[in-house]
Structures are given as structure tokens and as C-alpha cells.
N, C-alpha and C. Protein backbone atom coordinates (compact mmCIF):
# COMPACT_ATOMS: atom_id res chain seq x y z
N MET A 1 -14.22 -14.55 0.82
CA MET A 1 -15.55 -13.77 0.46
C MET A 1 -14.74 -12.90 -0.76
N PRO A 2 -16.18 -13.48 -1.70
CA PRO A 2 -16.63 -12.97 -2.64
C PRO A 2 -16.48 -10.68 -3.21
N GLY A 3 -15.61 -10.58 -4.11
CA GLY A 3 -15.08 -9.63 -4.04
C GLY A 3 -14.35 -8.81 -3.52
N GLN A 4 -13.40 -9.45 -2.58
CA GLN A 4 -12.20 -8.95 -1.95
C GLN A 4 -11.20 -9.22 -2.61
N TRP A 5 -10.91 -7.66 -2.62
CA TRP A 5 -9.30 -7.99 -2.99
C TRP A 5 -8.72 -9.07 -2.18
N ARG A 6 -7.53 -9.62 -3.15
CA ARG A 6 -6.31 -10.04 -2.55
C ARG A 6 -5.11 -8.55 -2.51
N ILE A 7 -4.20 -8.82 -1.61
CA ILE A 7 -3.20 -8.38 -1.64
C ILE A 7 -1.83 -8.51 -1.07
N LEU A 8 -0.75 -8.07 -2.39
CA LEU A 8 -0.15 -8.94 -2.17
C LEU A 8 1.66 -7.90 -2.59
N ILE A 9 2.51 -8.85 -1.02
CA ILE A 9 3.24 -7.33 -1.12
C ILE A 9 4.88 -7.87 -1.55
N GLU A 10 5.66 -6.72 -1.78
CA GLU A 10 6.81 -7.45 -3.08
C GLU A 10 7.83 -7.32 -1.95
N ARG A 11 8.72 -7.58 -2.10
CA ARG A 11 10.32 -8.06 -0.77
C ARG A 11 10.88 -7.53 0.01
N GLU A 12 10.83 -6.09 -0.48
CA GLU A 12 11.69 -4.75 0.27
C GLU A 12 10.05 -4.14 0.96
N PRO A 13 8.64 -4.33 0.45
CA PRO A 13 7.79 -3.56 1.05
C PRO A 13 8.05 -4.74 2.40
N ARG A 14 8.28 -5.81 2.19
CA ARG A 14 7.90 -7.22 3.20
C ARG A 14 9.06 -6.34 4.60
N ARG A 15 10.47 -6.66 4.65
CA ARG A 15 11.99 -6.55 4.62
C ARG A 15 10.78 -4.78 5.86
N ILE A 16 11.05 -3.92 5.19
CA ILE A 16 10.30 -3.33 5.70
C ILE A 16 9.48 -3.07 7.21
N LEU A 17 8.79 -3.84 6.41
CA LEU A 17 7.36 -3.96 7.13
C LEU A 17 7.79 -4.73 8.64
N ARG A 18 8.95 -6.05 8.71
CA ARG A 18 9.33 -6.55 9.95
C ARG A 18 9.89 -5.40 10.53
N ARG A 19 10.28 -4.40 10.94
CA ARG A 19 11.45 -3.73 11.24
C ARG A 19 10.24 -2.45 11.92
N LEU A 20 8.90 -2.42 11.39
CA LEU A 20 8.47 -1.10 11.93
C LEU A 20 8.19 -1.46 13.67
N PRO A 21 7.58 -0.74 14.76
CA PRO A 21 7.18 -0.61 15.62
C PRO A 21 5.90 -1.17 15.72
N LYS A 22 5.43 -2.53 16.06
CA LYS A 22 4.15 -2.50 16.14
C LYS A 22 2.59 -1.80 15.75
N ASP A 23 2.76 -0.69 16.92
CA ASP A 23 2.30 -0.35 16.65
C ASP A 23 1.69 0.97 15.08
N THR A 24 2.67 0.85 14.48
CA THR A 24 2.84 1.21 13.37
C THR A 24 2.28 0.38 12.22
N LEU A 25 2.91 -0.79 12.55
CA LEU A 25 2.87 -1.95 11.92
C LEU A 25 1.54 -1.95 11.98
N GLU A 26 0.57 -2.21 12.73
CA GLU A 26 -0.86 -2.05 13.54
C GLU A 26 -1.97 -0.94 12.58
N ARG A 27 -1.82 0.23 12.00
CA ARG A 27 -1.97 1.18 11.68
C ARG A 27 -2.11 0.40 9.96
N ILE A 28 -0.42 -0.26 9.21
CA ILE A 28 -0.43 0.04 8.20
C ILE A 28 -1.44 -1.41 7.52
N ARG A 29 -1.41 -2.81 8.59
CA ARG A 29 -2.24 -3.54 8.07
C ARG A 29 -4.09 -2.70 8.06
N ALA A 30 -4.30 -2.70 9.46
CA ALA A 30 -5.39 -2.08 9.00
C ALA A 30 -5.68 -1.63 7.26
N ALA A 31 -4.60 -0.51 7.34
CA ALA A 31 -5.19 0.14 5.93
C ALA A 31 -5.34 -0.95 5.01
N PHE A 32 -4.24 -1.92 4.88
CA PHE A 32 -4.05 -3.10 3.72
C PHE A 32 -5.17 -4.02 3.93
N LEU A 33 -6.48 -3.62 5.13
CA LEU A 33 -7.80 -4.12 4.80
C LEU A 33 -8.22 -3.10 4.31
N VAL A 34 -8.48 -2.10 4.38
CA VAL A 34 -9.09 -1.10 3.84
C VAL A 34 -9.06 -1.83 2.53
N LEU A 35 -8.02 -1.49 1.53
CA LEU A 35 -7.25 -1.72 0.26
C LEU A 35 -8.00 -3.14 0.34
N ALA A 36 -8.19 -4.82 1.12
CA ALA A 36 -9.37 -5.50 -0.16
C ALA A 36 -10.04 -5.19 -0.16
N ASP A 37 -11.21 -4.35 0.67
CA ASP A 37 -12.39 -3.86 0.38
C ASP A 37 -12.95 -3.05 -0.62
N ASP A 38 -11.83 -2.14 -0.52
CA ASP A 38 -11.46 -1.12 -1.95
C ASP A 38 -10.22 -0.45 -1.75
N PRO A 39 -9.40 -0.50 -3.71
CA PRO A 39 -8.27 -0.61 -3.71
C PRO A 39 -8.07 1.01 -4.05
N ARG A 40 -9.50 1.29 -3.83
CA ARG A 40 -9.04 3.07 -4.43
C ARG A 40 -9.76 3.92 -2.89
N PRO A 41 -9.42 4.21 -1.87
CA PRO A 41 -10.45 4.28 -0.84
C PRO A 41 -10.76 5.49 -0.51
N LYS A 42 -11.14 6.53 -0.04
CA LYS A 42 -11.13 7.74 0.24
C LYS A 42 -8.68 8.33 0.66
N GLY A 43 -9.61 9.37 0.20
CA GLY A 43 -7.88 9.71 0.38
C GLY A 43 -6.58 9.05 -0.50
N CYS A 44 -7.25 8.38 -1.13
CA CYS A 44 -5.69 7.41 -2.72
C CYS A 44 -5.48 8.64 -3.06
N VAL A 45 -4.29 8.72 -4.11
CA VAL A 45 -4.28 9.96 -5.29
C VAL A 45 -3.62 8.56 -5.93
N LYS A 46 -3.36 9.06 -7.55
CA LYS A 46 -3.07 8.02 -8.64
C LYS A 46 -1.44 9.11 -8.65
N LEU A 47 -0.77 8.47 -8.78
CA LEU A 47 0.53 9.65 -9.01
C LEU A 47 0.91 9.52 -10.35
N LYS A 48 1.40 10.93 -10.79
CA LYS A 48 1.53 10.97 -11.91
C LYS A 48 2.67 10.55 -12.16
N GLY A 49 2.31 10.02 -13.67
CA GLY A 49 3.11 9.63 -14.39
C GLY A 49 4.02 8.30 -14.60
N TYR A 50 2.48 7.24 -13.68
CA TYR A 50 3.32 5.97 -13.25
C TYR A 50 1.90 5.40 -13.14
N ASP A 51 1.67 4.17 -12.65
CA ASP A 51 0.36 3.25 -12.86
C ASP A 51 0.71 3.47 -11.35
N LEU A 52 0.57 3.67 -10.48
CA LEU A 52 0.22 3.49 -9.01
C LEU A 52 -0.49 4.59 -8.48
N TRP A 53 -0.91 3.67 -7.71
CA TRP A 53 -1.17 4.57 -6.30
C TRP A 53 -0.67 4.76 -4.90
N ARG A 54 -1.73 5.51 -4.40
CA ARG A 54 -0.60 5.75 -2.47
C ARG A 54 -2.08 6.38 -2.35
N ILE A 55 -1.16 5.85 -0.67
CA ILE A 55 -1.80 6.40 0.53
C ILE A 55 -1.33 6.21 1.50
N ARG A 56 -2.08 7.45 1.98
CA ARG A 56 -1.32 8.00 3.51
C ARG A 56 -2.25 7.36 4.56
N ILE A 57 -1.22 7.07 5.56
CA ILE A 57 -1.27 7.08 7.13
C ILE A 57 0.09 6.87 8.69
N GLY A 58 -0.61 8.25 8.54
CA GLY A 58 -0.17 8.50 9.69
C GLY A 58 1.54 9.38 8.68
N ASP A 59 2.99 8.87 8.95
CA ASP A 59 3.48 9.82 8.59
C ASP A 59 4.45 8.52 7.69
N TRP A 60 3.85 7.91 7.07
CA TRP A 60 4.09 6.76 6.26
C TRP A 60 2.99 6.58 4.54
N ARG A 61 3.92 6.02 3.47
CA ARG A 61 3.01 6.13 2.69
C ARG A 61 3.54 4.86 2.16
N VAL A 62 1.90 4.68 1.30
CA VAL A 62 1.94 3.26 0.85
C VAL A 62 2.11 3.18 -0.82
N THR A 63 3.14 2.70 -1.48
CA THR A 63 2.73 2.80 -3.35
C THR A 63 2.44 2.01 -3.33
N TYR A 64 1.29 1.92 -3.83
CA TYR A 64 0.56 0.36 -4.69
C TYR A 64 -0.46 -0.07 -6.01
N ALA A 65 -0.24 -0.72 -6.83
CA ALA A 65 -0.54 -0.91 -7.78
C ALA A 65 -2.27 -1.64 -7.71
N ILE A 66 -2.70 -1.49 -8.76
CA ILE A 66 -3.81 -2.15 -8.54
C ILE A 66 -4.39 -2.94 -10.33
N GLU A 67 -4.40 -4.38 -9.84
CA GLU A 67 -4.38 -5.32 -11.36
C GLU A 67 -6.34 -5.52 -11.14
N ASP A 68 -6.99 -4.67 -11.64
CA ASP A 68 -8.68 -5.06 -12.12
C ASP A 68 -8.55 -6.24 -12.64
N ASP A 69 -7.86 -6.76 -13.51
CA ASP A 69 -9.06 -7.73 -13.92
C ASP A 69 -8.43 -8.91 -12.85
N GLU A 70 -8.15 -9.23 -12.23
CA GLU A 70 -7.19 -10.29 -11.10
C GLU A 70 -7.41 -9.64 -9.94
N MET A 71 -8.18 -8.58 -9.45
CA MET A 71 -7.98 -8.03 -8.32
C MET A 71 -7.17 -8.09 -7.29
N ILE A 72 -6.54 -7.59 -7.45
CA ILE A 72 -4.60 -7.75 -6.90
C ILE A 72 -4.77 -6.72 -5.98
N VAL A 73 -4.27 -6.09 -5.13
CA VAL A 73 -3.44 -4.69 -4.93
C VAL A 73 -2.02 -5.31 -4.52
N LEU A 74 -1.13 -4.67 -5.82
CA LEU A 74 0.77 -5.06 -5.04
C LEU A 74 1.02 -3.75 -4.49
N ILE A 75 1.33 -4.22 -3.39
CA ILE A 75 2.29 -3.38 -2.68
C ILE A 75 3.87 -2.68 -3.34
N VAL A 76 4.17 -2.14 -3.64
CA VAL A 76 5.26 -1.76 -3.94
C VAL A 76 6.18 -1.42 -3.28
N GLU A 77 6.27 -0.34 -2.49
CA GLU A 77 6.84 0.99 -1.33
C GLU A 77 5.95 1.23 -0.03
N VAL A 78 6.71 0.65 1.44
CA VAL A 78 6.11 1.47 2.25
C VAL A 78 7.21 1.95 2.34
N SER A 79 7.03 3.48 2.60
CA SER A 79 8.47 3.78 3.20
C SER A 79 7.73 5.91 4.44
N PRO A 80 8.40 5.91 4.98
CA PRO A 80 8.36 7.02 5.51
C PRO A 80 7.92 8.33 4.67
N ARG A 81 7.35 9.68 4.66
CA ARG A 81 7.43 10.42 4.02
C ARG A 81 8.09 11.06 3.34
N GLY A 82 9.45 11.51 4.09
CA GLY A 82 10.34 11.67 3.46
C GLY A 82 10.89 10.79 2.26
N GLY A 83 11.36 9.29 2.50
CA GLY A 83 11.72 8.76 1.70
C GLY A 83 10.54 8.84 0.63
N ALA A 84 9.51 8.43 0.41
CA ALA A 84 8.50 8.14 -0.53
C ALA A 84 8.69 8.29 -2.10
N TYR A 85 8.64 7.29 -2.65
CA TYR A 85 8.82 7.37 -4.00
C TYR A 85 10.18 8.22 -5.01
N HIS A 86 11.05 7.49 -3.77
CA HIS A 86 12.89 7.73 -4.48
C HIS A 86 13.06 6.46 -5.37
N ASN A 87 12.32 5.07 -5.08
CA ASN A 87 12.96 4.09 -5.92
C ASN A 87 11.73 3.50 -6.41
N LEU A 88 11.16 4.54 -7.07
CA LEU A 88 10.13 4.00 -7.88
C LEU A 88 10.08 4.33 -9.58
């Protein structure tokens, strides 16, 4: 589709996604579809001190970078609420 953003997922978030329960994985995948339409949806937060954004999906956090010129959303971290942002 024209205007559709590409979602790329780094290696570590892929590993985490493979281990998630199916219901949690489906909710996160649905959030990825939202990001493919709009990388800055309502409720997203720009992280201070980083060129990164964050969305919440229940108790999980997805941290990502936006490459506007190439229309790419790069998922850099998927983590539970308490572990988010430690590896940035």
C-alpha cells in the first residue's frame, strides 16, 4: 500500500517475541500494524535523551526508531514494563 511504513525488528526483540504467550504476541503484532499506518500514534512517547519512541501494550513496552526519509519503523526493544529502557 502507498504510504505504508515498513516494520523492521532487530535480532533481540525477535528472540523475545518468539518466547511470548500467543495472546501477548497477537496484541503486540496488532500494535505493529498500527505503527505501519502511523509511527506516531496517539499515546506514543518520545524518549528524552534518545531519538527513540515508545508505545505501551498492556504491561509490555515497545521501543522503536523512526526513519522518516525511508518510511521505516525499527523495533529496537520489546520488554516487560519493569525491564524497559535498561539496554538502550
